[in-house]
Each structure stands twice: as C-alpha cells, then as structure tokens.
Amino acid sequence: MIARLAGLVAEKGEDHAVVDVGGIGYRVHLSQPTLASLPPVGEKVALRTYTHVRQDVLQLFGFAGEEEESVFHELMGVKNVGPRAALNILSGIEPRDLARAVADGDVARLTRVPGVGKKTAERLVLELKEKLVALARAAAPRSQAPRGALEQLAQALTGLGYKAPQAEQAAEALRDRADRPLDELLREALKLLRG
C-alpha cells in the first residue's frame, strides 16, 4: 500500500494531480480544497495517500493533512460511500464542518453538499456521530452560543435578499446575544447591515 508520496507536481486536473516521484508519475485523486492548496506545477509536494485496489482498478487518493485523511476513512466506513463519494463529500465541506454538522444532526447542512441526498445525510449522522466527536469538539465555536439560532438568523437574512457571506457575518457579530429571541436578533442584524 502506498501511504505517502513526495515528489514534483507534474500536472493538475479537475479532480486530480500527477505527482512525479523519481520519473514515475502517480495520478492522485484529490478533494477540491487539497487540489487548491497544491503548489504550482514543477514544485515539490508531499501528500498522504490511500491506495484503493479492486479487481479492475488501482487508484490513489491524496490528502493534504491527517485530519482530511482520517475523515475520509470514516466516510468510507459508511454504507454505500466509497472512496470517490467520500472525496466528493470532502470537496463540498471541510472536515471540521462535516464533523460539526454530524454532531448537531444537521441533515439540512449535509444535503447542501453536492451529491449528498437526504438518505445519505441521515446515514452519515447515524453512523458517524460517535466517530467524529473529537473533531466536532475541536470545531465547536469558542462561545457555546446556540448554533441553530445563528443559522436561523443567517437564513432569515438571506431570505430578505442579503448575500450569504453578509448574512453569516452579521449573525456571527451577534453570537454573544444568540440566546435572545430570533425576531430581536433579526432587528439587530438589520441595524448592523444598514450601517
């Protein structure tokens, strides 16, 4: 099994890179965040890898760090989630955000990941809740304010026509008041957004 590759970035594709190791080019499938973090073609790179072997296929999947690799392995343990599906999920959501969504049972957040339907999202919550606990704790916001209230506030603001980044920033600015009723938070967020 190939667990690590270190060499030069020879090529970059939409979902993979070719890493030249001593004159041999290894095609490595990567999540979008890892692909974006690669150095330019011709530069040195080191990737953690997983070797997937079936009767007719030998594929390498690469990771920028241990956290992404660990979550990838946990995802593959979920029924009907293979290495390609696991990598697609990691292309649509950061490992810590995934862990937090699973810990919170946030099926709606998980279904916003491309390729994840309601049944798969429910299965992820059911099968990974205990396995991603430590990562979810690391991803927890410093304040223990109710996350659901802030998400509802951001959704309400986007429903009023504000762009998602603006809405999320306004909601985050009110984190210390997240225990207040939603209508009160909404009024305060609108004041902030209107300047």
N, C-alpha and C. Protein backbone atom coordinates (compact mmCIF):
# COMPACT_ATOMS: atom_id res chain seq x y z
N MET A 1 0.83 -1.19 0.00
CA MET A 1 0.00 0.00 0.00
C MET A 1 0.88 1.25 0.00
N ILE A 2 0.53 2.21 -0.82
CA ILE A 2 1.27 3.47 -0.88
C ILE A 2 0.60 4.43 0.11
N ALA A 3 1.31 4.83 1.16
CA ALA A 3 0.74 5.67 2.21
C ALA A 3 1.15 7.13 2.10
N ARG A 4 2.20 7.40 1.30
CA ARG A 4 2.69 8.77 1.17
C ARG A 4 3.44 8.93 -0.14
N LEU A 5 3.28 10.09 -0.75
CA LEU A 5 4.04 10.41 -1.96
C LEU A 5 4.72 11.76 -1.77
N ALA A 6 5.98 11.83 -2.18
CA ALA A 6 6.70 13.10 -2.16
C ALA A 6 7.43 13.21 -3.48
N GLY A 7 7.20 14.30 -4.18
CA GLY A 7 7.83 14.50 -5.47
C GLY A 7 7.49 15.86 -6.02
N LEU A 8 7.41 15.95 -7.34
CA LEU A 8 7.09 17.21 -8.00
C LEU A 8 5.69 17.16 -8.59
N VAL A 9 4.98 18.27 -8.55
CA VAL A 9 3.67 18.35 -9.20
C VAL A 9 3.94 18.39 -10.70
N ALA A 10 3.53 17.33 -11.40
CA ALA A 10 3.75 17.25 -12.85
C ALA A 10 2.57 17.82 -13.63
N GLU A 11 1.36 17.58 -13.13
CA GLU A 11 0.13 18.06 -13.80
C GLU A 11 -0.94 18.28 -12.75
N LYS A 12 -1.91 19.13 -13.12
CA LYS A 12 -3.10 19.31 -12.29
C LYS A 12 -4.32 19.16 -13.17
N GLY A 13 -5.31 18.40 -12.71
CA GLY A 13 -6.56 18.24 -13.44
C GLY A 13 -7.70 18.79 -12.60
N GLU A 14 -8.94 18.49 -13.02
CA GLU A 14 -10.11 18.99 -12.29
C GLU A 14 -10.26 18.34 -10.93
N ASP A 15 -9.90 17.06 -10.82
CA ASP A 15 -10.08 16.35 -9.56
C ASP A 15 -8.86 15.52 -9.18
N HIS A 16 -7.72 15.81 -9.80
CA HIS A 16 -6.53 15.01 -9.54
C HIS A 16 -5.27 15.82 -9.84
N ALA A 17 -4.17 15.25 -9.45
CA ALA A 17 -2.86 15.78 -9.83
C ALA A 17 -1.98 14.58 -10.15
N VAL A 18 -0.95 14.83 -10.94
CA VAL A 18 0.05 13.80 -11.21
C VAL A 18 1.31 14.23 -10.46
N VAL A 19 1.78 13.34 -9.60
CA VAL A 19 2.99 13.62 -8.82
C VAL A 19 4.12 12.77 -9.38
N ASP A 20 5.19 13.43 -9.80
CA ASP A 20 6.37 12.76 -10.36
C ASP A 20 7.30 12.38 -9.21
N VAL A 21 7.45 11.07 -9.02
CA VAL A 21 8.35 10.57 -7.98
C VAL A 21 9.44 9.76 -8.67
N GLY A 22 10.61 10.34 -8.79
CA GLY A 22 11.74 9.64 -9.42
C GLY A 22 11.47 9.23 -10.85
N GLY A 23 10.76 10.06 -11.60
CA GLY A 23 10.49 9.76 -13.01
C GLY A 23 9.23 8.97 -13.25
N ILE A 24 8.53 8.57 -12.21
CA ILE A 24 7.26 7.85 -12.35
C ILE A 24 6.14 8.79 -11.92
N GLY A 25 5.14 8.94 -12.78
CA GLY A 25 4.02 9.83 -12.49
C GLY A 25 2.87 9.08 -11.85
N TYR A 26 2.49 9.47 -10.65
CA TYR A 26 1.36 8.87 -9.93
C TYR A 26 0.16 9.80 -10.03
N ARG A 27 -0.94 9.29 -10.58
CA ARG A 27 -2.18 10.06 -10.65
C ARG A 27 -2.87 9.93 -9.29
N VAL A 28 -3.10 11.05 -8.61
CA VAL A 28 -3.68 11.04 -7.27
C VAL A 28 -4.97 11.85 -7.29
N HIS A 29 -6.08 11.23 -6.91
CA HIS A 29 -7.36 11.92 -6.84
C HIS A 29 -7.39 12.75 -5.55
N LEU A 30 -7.86 14.00 -5.67
CA LEU A 30 -7.80 14.93 -4.53
C LEU A 30 -9.13 15.66 -4.36
N SER A 31 -9.41 16.07 -3.12
CA SER A 31 -10.57 16.93 -2.87
C SER A 31 -10.24 18.31 -3.43
N GLN A 32 -11.26 19.11 -3.65
CA GLN A 32 -11.04 20.45 -4.20
C GLN A 32 -10.17 21.32 -3.28
N PRO A 33 -10.39 21.31 -1.95
CA PRO A 33 -9.51 22.12 -1.09
C PRO A 33 -8.04 21.69 -1.16
N THR A 34 -7.79 20.38 -1.21
CA THR A 34 -6.41 19.90 -1.30
C THR A 34 -5.81 20.26 -2.65
N LEU A 35 -6.58 20.10 -3.71
CA LEU A 35 -6.11 20.45 -5.04
C LEU A 35 -5.75 21.94 -5.10
N ALA A 36 -6.58 22.78 -4.49
CA ALA A 36 -6.33 24.22 -4.49
C ALA A 36 -5.09 24.59 -3.67
N SER A 37 -4.75 23.74 -2.69
CA SER A 37 -3.60 24.05 -1.83
C SER A 37 -2.27 23.57 -2.41
N LEU A 38 -2.32 22.84 -3.52
CA LEU A 38 -1.07 22.34 -4.11
C LEU A 38 -0.21 23.48 -4.63
N PRO A 39 1.10 23.30 -4.57
CA PRO A 39 1.99 24.29 -5.17
C PRO A 39 1.89 24.24 -6.70
N PRO A 40 2.46 25.21 -7.40
CA PRO A 40 2.41 25.21 -8.86
C PRO A 40 3.12 24.00 -9.48
N VAL A 41 2.79 23.72 -10.73
CA VAL A 41 3.44 22.63 -11.48
C VAL A 41 4.95 22.85 -11.46
N GLY A 42 5.68 21.77 -11.20
CA GLY A 42 7.13 21.83 -11.14
C GLY A 42 7.68 22.00 -9.73
N GLU A 43 6.80 22.32 -8.77
CA GLU A 43 7.22 22.50 -7.38
C GLU A 43 7.09 21.19 -6.59
N LYS A 44 7.78 21.13 -5.45
CA LYS A 44 7.74 19.94 -4.59
C LYS A 44 6.41 19.86 -3.84
N VAL A 45 5.97 18.62 -3.63
CA VAL A 45 4.74 18.37 -2.88
C VAL A 45 4.88 17.06 -2.11
N ALA A 46 4.23 16.98 -0.97
CA ALA A 46 4.15 15.73 -0.21
C ALA A 46 2.69 15.53 0.17
N LEU A 47 2.17 14.35 -0.12
CA LEU A 47 0.77 14.03 0.16
C LEU A 47 0.66 12.72 0.91
N ARG A 48 -0.27 12.66 1.84
CA ARG A 48 -0.65 11.39 2.45
C ARG A 48 -1.55 10.72 1.43
N THR A 49 -1.52 9.41 1.32
CA THR A 49 -2.34 8.74 0.31
C THR A 49 -3.03 7.50 0.84
N TYR A 50 -4.08 7.14 0.15
CA TYR A 50 -4.80 5.90 0.39
C TYR A 50 -4.81 5.15 -0.94
N THR A 51 -4.43 3.89 -0.93
CA THR A 51 -4.42 3.07 -2.14
C THR A 51 -5.68 2.23 -2.17
N HIS A 52 -6.49 2.42 -3.20
CA HIS A 52 -7.74 1.68 -3.35
C HIS A 52 -7.54 0.63 -4.45
N VAL A 53 -7.71 -0.64 -4.07
CA VAL A 53 -7.49 -1.74 -5.01
C VAL A 53 -8.77 -2.56 -5.14
N ARG A 54 -9.19 -2.74 -6.39
CA ARG A 54 -10.27 -3.68 -6.70
C ARG A 54 -9.74 -4.58 -7.81
N GLN A 55 -10.54 -5.53 -8.27
CA GLN A 55 -10.08 -6.44 -9.32
C GLN A 55 -9.59 -5.70 -10.55
N ASP A 56 -10.33 -4.67 -10.95
CA ASP A 56 -10.02 -3.99 -12.20
C ASP A 56 -9.43 -2.59 -12.02
N VAL A 57 -9.19 -2.15 -10.79
CA VAL A 57 -8.78 -0.76 -10.55
C VAL A 57 -7.73 -0.67 -9.44
N LEU A 58 -6.76 0.20 -9.67
CA LEU A 58 -5.82 0.59 -8.62
C LEU A 58 -5.80 2.12 -8.66
N GLN A 59 -6.28 2.75 -7.59
CA GLN A 59 -6.37 4.21 -7.56
C GLN A 59 -5.70 4.75 -6.30
N LEU A 60 -5.16 5.96 -6.41
CA LEU A 60 -4.59 6.65 -5.26
C LEU A 60 -5.46 7.87 -4.94
N PHE A 61 -5.73 8.06 -3.66
CA PHE A 61 -6.46 9.22 -3.19
C PHE A 61 -5.53 9.96 -2.24
N GLY A 62 -5.41 11.27 -2.43
CA GLY A 62 -4.43 12.04 -1.65
C GLY A 62 -5.07 13.05 -0.73
N PHE A 63 -4.29 13.42 0.32
CA PHE A 63 -4.78 14.32 1.35
C PHE A 63 -3.67 15.26 1.78
N ALA A 64 -4.04 16.50 2.02
CA ALA A 64 -3.06 17.50 2.46
C ALA A 64 -2.66 17.28 3.91
N GLY A 65 -3.57 16.69 4.70
CA GLY A 65 -3.26 16.51 6.12
C GLY A 65 -3.93 15.30 6.72
N GLU A 66 -3.55 15.03 7.96
CA GLU A 66 -4.04 13.86 8.67
C GLU A 66 -5.54 13.94 8.95
N GLU A 67 -6.03 15.15 9.24
CA GLU A 67 -7.45 15.32 9.56
C GLU A 67 -8.34 14.92 8.38
N GLU A 68 -7.99 15.41 7.19
CA GLU A 68 -8.78 15.08 6.00
C GLU A 68 -8.71 13.58 5.72
N GLU A 69 -7.53 13.00 5.87
CA GLU A 69 -7.38 11.56 5.62
C GLU A 69 -8.21 10.75 6.61
N SER A 70 -8.19 11.14 7.87
CA SER A 70 -8.94 10.43 8.90
C SER A 70 -10.44 10.46 8.62
N VAL A 71 -10.95 11.63 8.26
CA VAL A 71 -12.39 11.76 7.96
C VAL A 71 -12.75 10.97 6.70
N PHE A 72 -11.86 10.96 5.72
CA PHE A 72 -12.05 10.17 4.51
C PHE A 72 -12.26 8.69 4.87
N HIS A 73 -11.42 8.15 5.74
CA HIS A 73 -11.53 6.74 6.14
C HIS A 73 -12.84 6.49 6.89
N GLU A 74 -13.24 7.44 7.74
CA GLU A 74 -14.52 7.29 8.46
C GLU A 74 -15.69 7.31 7.47
N LEU A 75 -15.63 8.20 6.49
CA LEU A 75 -16.70 8.27 5.48
C LEU A 75 -16.82 6.96 4.71
N MET A 76 -15.67 6.35 4.39
CA MET A 76 -15.71 5.09 3.64
C MET A 76 -16.31 3.95 4.45
N GLY A 77 -16.36 4.10 5.76
CA GLY A 77 -16.98 3.09 6.61
C GLY A 77 -18.50 3.17 6.61
N VAL A 78 -19.05 4.23 6.01
CA VAL A 78 -20.50 4.40 5.94
C VAL A 78 -21.04 3.60 4.76
N LYS A 79 -22.14 2.92 4.97
CA LYS A 79 -22.75 2.10 3.92
C LYS A 79 -22.98 2.92 2.65
N ASN A 80 -22.61 2.36 1.52
CA ASN A 80 -22.77 2.95 0.19
C ASN A 80 -21.92 4.19 -0.07
N VAL A 81 -20.89 4.43 0.76
CA VAL A 81 -19.96 5.54 0.50
C VAL A 81 -18.60 4.94 0.19
N GLY A 82 -18.21 5.02 -1.08
CA GLY A 82 -16.91 4.54 -1.50
C GLY A 82 -15.90 5.67 -1.50
N PRO A 83 -14.68 5.41 -1.99
CA PRO A 83 -13.65 6.44 -1.96
C PRO A 83 -13.98 7.67 -2.81
N ARG A 84 -14.59 7.47 -3.97
CA ARG A 84 -14.96 8.62 -4.82
C ARG A 84 -16.00 9.49 -4.12
N ALA A 85 -17.03 8.84 -3.55
CA ALA A 85 -18.09 9.58 -2.85
C ALA A 85 -17.51 10.30 -1.64
N ALA A 86 -16.62 9.64 -0.91
CA ALA A 86 -16.00 10.27 0.27
C ALA A 86 -15.22 11.51 -0.13
N LEU A 87 -14.48 11.41 -1.24
CA LEU A 87 -13.71 12.56 -1.72
C LEU A 87 -14.63 13.68 -2.19
N ASN A 88 -15.74 13.32 -2.85
CA ASN A 88 -16.70 14.34 -3.28
C ASN A 88 -17.29 15.08 -2.09
N ILE A 89 -17.58 14.34 -1.02
CA ILE A 89 -18.12 14.97 0.19
C ILE A 89 -17.09 15.95 0.75
N LEU A 90 -15.82 15.53 0.80
CA LEU A 90 -14.77 16.41 1.32
C LEU A 90 -14.47 17.59 0.40
N SER A 91 -14.91 17.49 -0.86
CA SER A 91 -14.79 18.63 -1.77
C SER A 91 -15.87 19.67 -1.48
N GLY A 92 -16.98 19.21 -0.87
CA GLY A 92 -18.10 20.10 -0.63
C GLY A 92 -18.21 20.64 0.78
N ILE A 93 -17.42 20.08 1.72
CA ILE A 93 -17.49 20.53 3.11
C ILE A 93 -16.17 20.21 3.80
N GLU A 94 -15.66 21.16 4.56
CA GLU A 94 -14.41 20.96 5.30
C GLU A 94 -14.60 19.87 6.36
N PRO A 95 -13.57 19.11 6.69
CA PRO A 95 -13.71 18.04 7.68
C PRO A 95 -14.32 18.48 9.01
N ARG A 96 -13.90 19.62 9.53
CA ARG A 96 -14.44 20.09 10.82
C ARG A 96 -15.90 20.51 10.70
N ASP A 97 -16.26 21.12 9.57
CA ASP A 97 -17.66 21.50 9.36
C ASP A 97 -18.53 20.25 9.23
N LEU A 98 -17.99 19.23 8.57
CA LEU A 98 -18.69 17.96 8.44
C LEU A 98 -18.92 17.35 9.83
N ALA A 99 -17.87 17.33 10.63
CA ALA A 99 -17.97 16.76 11.98
C ALA A 99 -19.00 17.51 12.81
N ARG A 100 -19.00 18.84 12.70
CA ARG A 100 -19.96 19.64 13.46
C ARG A 100 -21.39 19.36 12.99
N ALA A 101 -21.59 19.29 11.68
CA ALA A 101 -22.92 19.01 11.13
C ALA A 101 -23.41 17.63 11.58
N VAL A 102 -22.52 16.65 11.57
CA VAL A 102 -22.88 15.30 12.01
C VAL A 102 -23.23 15.31 13.50
N ALA A 103 -22.40 15.97 14.30
CA ALA A 103 -22.63 16.02 15.75
C ALA A 103 -23.95 16.71 16.08
N ASP A 104 -24.29 17.76 15.31
CA ASP A 104 -25.53 18.51 15.54
C ASP A 104 -26.74 17.84 14.91
N GLY A 105 -26.50 16.75 14.13
CA GLY A 105 -27.61 16.10 13.42
C GLY A 105 -28.20 17.00 12.35
N ASP A 106 -27.36 17.87 11.78
CA ASP A 106 -27.80 18.88 10.82
C ASP A 106 -27.90 18.29 9.41
N VAL A 107 -28.98 17.55 9.18
CA VAL A 107 -29.21 16.89 7.89
C VAL A 107 -29.34 17.93 6.78
N ALA A 108 -29.96 19.06 7.08
CA ALA A 108 -30.13 20.12 6.07
C ALA A 108 -28.78 20.62 5.57
N ARG A 109 -27.82 20.81 6.48
CA ARG A 109 -26.47 21.28 6.08
C ARG A 109 -25.79 20.22 5.22
N LEU A 110 -25.93 18.97 5.60
CA LEU A 110 -25.28 17.89 4.86
C LEU A 110 -25.86 17.73 3.46
N THR A 111 -27.17 17.94 3.31
CA THR A 111 -27.77 17.80 1.97
C THR A 111 -27.38 18.93 1.04
N ARG A 112 -26.78 19.99 1.57
CA ARG A 112 -26.28 21.07 0.69
C ARG A 112 -24.94 20.70 0.05
N VAL A 113 -24.35 19.61 0.51
CA VAL A 113 -23.10 19.12 -0.10
C VAL A 113 -23.47 18.43 -1.40
N PRO A 114 -22.86 18.82 -2.53
CA PRO A 114 -23.20 18.19 -3.80
C PRO A 114 -23.07 16.66 -3.74
N GLY A 115 -24.11 15.97 -4.21
CA GLY A 115 -24.09 14.52 -4.25
C GLY A 115 -24.60 13.84 -3.00
N VAL A 116 -24.96 14.62 -1.97
CA VAL A 116 -25.47 14.03 -0.72
C VAL A 116 -26.97 14.30 -0.63
N GLY A 117 -27.74 13.22 -0.74
CA GLY A 117 -29.18 13.32 -0.61
C GLY A 117 -29.59 13.15 0.85
N LYS A 118 -30.89 13.23 1.10
CA LYS A 118 -31.38 13.15 2.47
C LYS A 118 -31.04 11.82 3.13
N LYS A 119 -31.21 10.71 2.40
CA LYS A 119 -30.92 9.39 3.00
C LYS A 119 -29.45 9.26 3.36
N THR A 120 -28.58 9.72 2.46
CA THR A 120 -27.14 9.64 2.74
C THR A 120 -26.79 10.53 3.92
N ALA A 121 -27.36 11.72 3.97
CA ALA A 121 -27.11 12.64 5.09
C ALA A 121 -27.54 12.01 6.41
N GLU A 122 -28.71 11.39 6.42
CA GLU A 122 -29.20 10.74 7.64
C GLU A 122 -28.29 9.58 8.04
N ARG A 123 -27.79 8.85 7.04
CA ARG A 123 -26.88 7.73 7.31
C ARG A 123 -25.56 8.25 7.89
N LEU A 124 -25.06 9.37 7.34
CA LEU A 124 -23.82 9.96 7.86
C LEU A 124 -23.98 10.32 9.33
N VAL A 125 -25.11 10.96 9.66
CA VAL A 125 -25.36 11.35 11.05
C VAL A 125 -25.42 10.11 11.94
N LEU A 126 -26.17 9.12 11.52
CA LEU A 126 -26.36 7.91 12.31
C LEU A 126 -25.06 7.15 12.53
N GLU A 127 -24.28 6.98 11.45
CA GLU A 127 -23.10 6.13 11.53
C GLU A 127 -21.83 6.84 11.99
N LEU A 128 -21.78 8.18 11.87
CA LEU A 128 -20.53 8.88 12.20
C LEU A 128 -20.59 9.71 13.48
N LYS A 129 -21.77 9.84 14.05
CA LYS A 129 -21.92 10.73 15.21
C LYS A 129 -20.89 10.45 16.30
N GLU A 130 -20.73 9.21 16.67
CA GLU A 130 -19.78 8.84 17.73
C GLU A 130 -18.33 8.92 17.25
N LYS A 131 -18.11 8.65 15.97
CA LYS A 131 -16.74 8.57 15.45
C LYS A 131 -16.09 9.93 15.25
N LEU A 132 -16.90 10.96 15.03
CA LEU A 132 -16.34 12.29 14.77
C LEU A 132 -16.48 13.24 15.96
N VAL A 133 -16.74 12.68 17.14
CA VAL A 133 -16.96 13.51 18.33
C VAL A 133 -15.79 14.43 18.62
N ALA A 134 -14.57 13.90 18.64
CA ALA A 134 -13.40 14.71 18.98
C ALA A 134 -13.20 15.83 17.98
N LEU A 135 -13.38 15.53 16.71
CA LEU A 135 -13.21 16.56 15.69
C LEU A 135 -14.31 17.61 15.80
N ALA A 136 -15.52 17.20 16.12
CA ALA A 136 -16.63 18.15 16.29
C ALA A 136 -16.36 19.08 17.47
N ARG A 137 -15.77 18.53 18.54
CA ARG A 137 -15.43 19.38 19.69
C ARG A 137 -14.37 20.41 19.30
N ALA A 138 -13.41 19.98 18.50
CA ALA A 138 -12.36 20.91 18.04
C ALA A 138 -12.95 21.99 17.15
N ALA A 139 -14.03 21.64 16.44
CA ALA A 139 -14.65 22.59 15.52
C ALA A 139 -15.67 23.49 16.21
N ALA A 140 -16.02 23.16 17.46
CA ALA A 140 -17.05 23.93 18.16
C ALA A 140 -16.60 25.38 18.32
N PRO A 141 -17.51 26.30 18.14
CA PRO A 141 -17.16 27.71 18.32
C PRO A 141 -16.72 27.96 19.76
N ARG A 142 -15.86 28.96 19.95
CA ARG A 142 -15.37 29.27 21.29
C ARG A 142 -16.51 29.56 22.24
N SER A 143 -17.46 30.32 21.79
CA SER A 143 -18.63 30.60 22.61
C SER A 143 -19.59 29.42 22.47
N GLN A 144 -20.27 29.06 23.50
CA GLN A 144 -21.20 27.95 23.42
C GLN A 144 -22.60 28.43 23.07
N ALA A 145 -22.69 29.55 22.36
CA ALA A 145 -23.98 30.09 21.95
C ALA A 145 -24.69 29.08 21.07
N PRO A 146 -26.02 29.02 21.14
CA PRO A 146 -26.75 28.06 20.32
C PRO A 146 -26.52 28.30 18.84
N ARG A 147 -25.91 27.34 18.19
CA ARG A 147 -25.57 27.47 16.78
C ARG A 147 -26.83 27.57 15.92
N GLY A 148 -27.88 26.85 16.29
CA GLY A 148 -29.10 26.85 15.50
C GLY A 148 -29.70 28.24 15.37
N ALA A 149 -29.66 29.03 16.43
CA ALA A 149 -30.23 30.38 16.40
C ALA A 149 -29.48 31.25 15.40
N LEU A 150 -28.17 31.13 15.37
CA LEU A 150 -27.36 31.94 14.45
C LEU A 150 -27.60 31.50 13.00
N GLU A 151 -27.74 30.20 12.79
CA GLU A 151 -28.02 29.71 11.44
C GLU A 151 -29.40 30.17 10.98
N GLN A 152 -30.38 30.13 11.89
CA GLN A 152 -31.72 30.61 11.53
C GLN A 152 -31.67 32.09 11.18
N LEU A 153 -30.89 32.85 11.94
CA LEU A 153 -30.76 34.28 11.67
C LEU A 153 -30.14 34.51 10.29
N ALA A 154 -29.07 33.78 9.98
CA ALA A 154 -28.42 33.92 8.67
C ALA A 154 -29.39 33.55 7.54
N GLN A 155 -30.18 32.47 7.75
CA GLN A 155 -31.16 32.07 6.73
C GLN A 155 -32.23 33.13 6.55
N ALA A 156 -32.67 33.73 7.65
CA ALA A 156 -33.69 34.78 7.57
C ALA A 156 -33.15 35.98 6.79
N LEU A 157 -31.89 36.31 7.02
CA LEU A 157 -31.29 37.44 6.31
C LEU A 157 -31.13 37.16 4.82
N THR A 158 -30.74 35.93 4.47
CA THR A 158 -30.64 35.60 3.05
C THR A 158 -32.03 35.60 2.41
N GLY A 159 -33.04 35.20 3.19
CA GLY A 159 -34.41 35.26 2.69
C GLY A 159 -34.87 36.67 2.42
N LEU A 160 -34.26 37.63 3.10
CA LEU A 160 -34.58 39.05 2.88
C LEU A 160 -33.75 39.67 1.76
N GLY A 161 -32.90 38.85 1.14
CA GLY A 161 -32.15 39.33 -0.02
C GLY A 161 -30.68 39.61 0.21
N TYR A 162 -30.20 39.45 1.43
CA TYR A 162 -28.77 39.66 1.68
C TYR A 162 -27.99 38.45 1.19
N LYS A 163 -26.76 38.70 0.73
CA LYS A 163 -25.91 37.60 0.27
C LYS A 163 -25.45 36.78 1.48
N ALA A 164 -25.23 35.48 1.25
CA ALA A 164 -24.88 34.55 2.34
C ALA A 164 -23.68 35.03 3.18
N PRO A 165 -22.56 35.50 2.56
CA PRO A 165 -21.44 35.93 3.39
C PRO A 165 -21.80 37.10 4.32
N GLN A 166 -22.60 38.06 3.78
CA GLN A 166 -23.04 39.20 4.61
C GLN A 166 -23.91 38.71 5.76
N ALA A 167 -24.83 37.82 5.45
CA ALA A 167 -25.77 37.30 6.45
C ALA A 167 -25.02 36.55 7.55
N GLU A 168 -24.06 35.71 7.16
CA GLU A 168 -23.30 34.93 8.13
C GLU A 168 -22.43 35.84 9.00
N GLN A 169 -21.87 36.89 8.40
CA GLN A 169 -21.03 37.82 9.15
C GLN A 169 -21.87 38.58 10.18
N ALA A 170 -23.06 39.01 9.78
CA ALA A 170 -23.95 39.72 10.71
C ALA A 170 -24.38 38.80 11.84
N ALA A 171 -24.70 37.55 11.52
CA ALA A 171 -25.11 36.58 12.55
C ALA A 171 -23.97 36.33 13.52
N GLU A 172 -22.76 36.18 12.99
CA GLU A 172 -21.59 35.93 13.83
C GLU A 172 -21.32 37.11 14.77
N ALA A 173 -21.58 38.33 14.30
CA ALA A 173 -21.37 39.52 15.12
C ALA A 173 -22.30 39.54 16.34
N LEU A 174 -23.40 38.80 16.25
CA LEU A 174 -24.37 38.76 17.35
C LEU A 174 -24.28 37.49 18.19
N ARG A 175 -23.17 36.76 18.05
CA ARG A 175 -23.00 35.48 18.74
C ARG A 175 -23.22 35.61 20.25
N ASP A 176 -22.72 36.70 20.84
CA ASP A 176 -22.84 36.85 22.30
C ASP A 176 -24.28 37.11 22.75
N ARG A 177 -25.19 37.38 21.79
CA ARG A 177 -26.60 37.61 22.13
C ARG A 177 -27.50 36.52 21.56
N ALA A 178 -26.93 35.38 21.19
CA ALA A 178 -27.67 34.33 20.48
C ALA A 178 -28.77 33.69 21.31
N ASP A 179 -28.81 33.98 22.61
CA ASP A 179 -29.87 33.41 23.43
C ASP A 179 -31.16 34.24 23.38
N ARG A 180 -31.12 35.36 22.69
CA ARG A 180 -32.29 36.23 22.56
C ARG A 180 -33.25 35.67 21.51
N PRO A 181 -34.50 36.13 21.51
CA PRO A 181 -35.47 35.65 20.50
C PRO A 181 -35.02 36.03 19.09
N LEU A 182 -35.42 35.21 18.12
CA LEU A 182 -35.00 35.40 16.74
C LEU A 182 -35.42 36.76 16.19
N ASP A 183 -36.65 37.21 16.49
CA ASP A 183 -37.09 38.50 15.93
C ASP A 183 -36.24 39.66 16.45
N GLU A 184 -35.79 39.57 17.70
CA GLU A 184 -34.92 40.61 18.27
C GLU A 184 -33.55 40.57 17.59
N LEU A 185 -33.02 39.36 17.39
CA LEU A 185 -31.73 39.21 16.70
C LEU A 185 -31.82 39.74 15.27
N LEU A 186 -32.95 39.47 14.63
CA LEU A 186 -33.13 39.93 13.25
C LEU A 186 -33.11 41.45 13.18
N ARG A 187 -33.80 42.12 14.10
CA ARG A 187 -33.80 43.59 14.12
C ARG A 187 -32.39 44.13 14.30
N GLU A 188 -31.65 43.52 15.23
CA GLU A 188 -30.27 44.00 15.49
C GLU A 188 -29.37 43.74 14.28
N ALA A 189 -29.54 42.60 13.64
CA ALA A 189 -28.72 42.28 12.47
C ALA A 189 -29.02 43.26 11.34
N LEU A 190 -30.28 43.60 11.15
CA LEU A 190 -30.65 44.57 10.10
C LEU A 190 -30.04 45.93 10.38
N LYS A 191 -30.00 46.33 11.65
CA LYS A 191 -29.35 47.62 12.01
C LYS A 191 -27.88 47.57 11.63
N LEU A 192 -27.23 46.45 11.94
CA LEU A 192 -25.81 46.30 11.61
C LEU A 192 -25.58 46.38 10.09
N LEU A 193 -26.42 45.69 9.36
CA LEU A 193 -26.25 45.62 7.90
C LEU A 193 -26.55 46.96 7.22
N ARG A 194 -27.45 47.73 7.80
CA ARG A 194 -27.79 49.03 7.21
C ARG A 194 -26.82 50.13 7.62
N GLY A 195 -25.92 49.77 8.55
CA GLY A 195 -24.86 50.68 8.92
C GLY A 195 -25.26 51.68 9.97
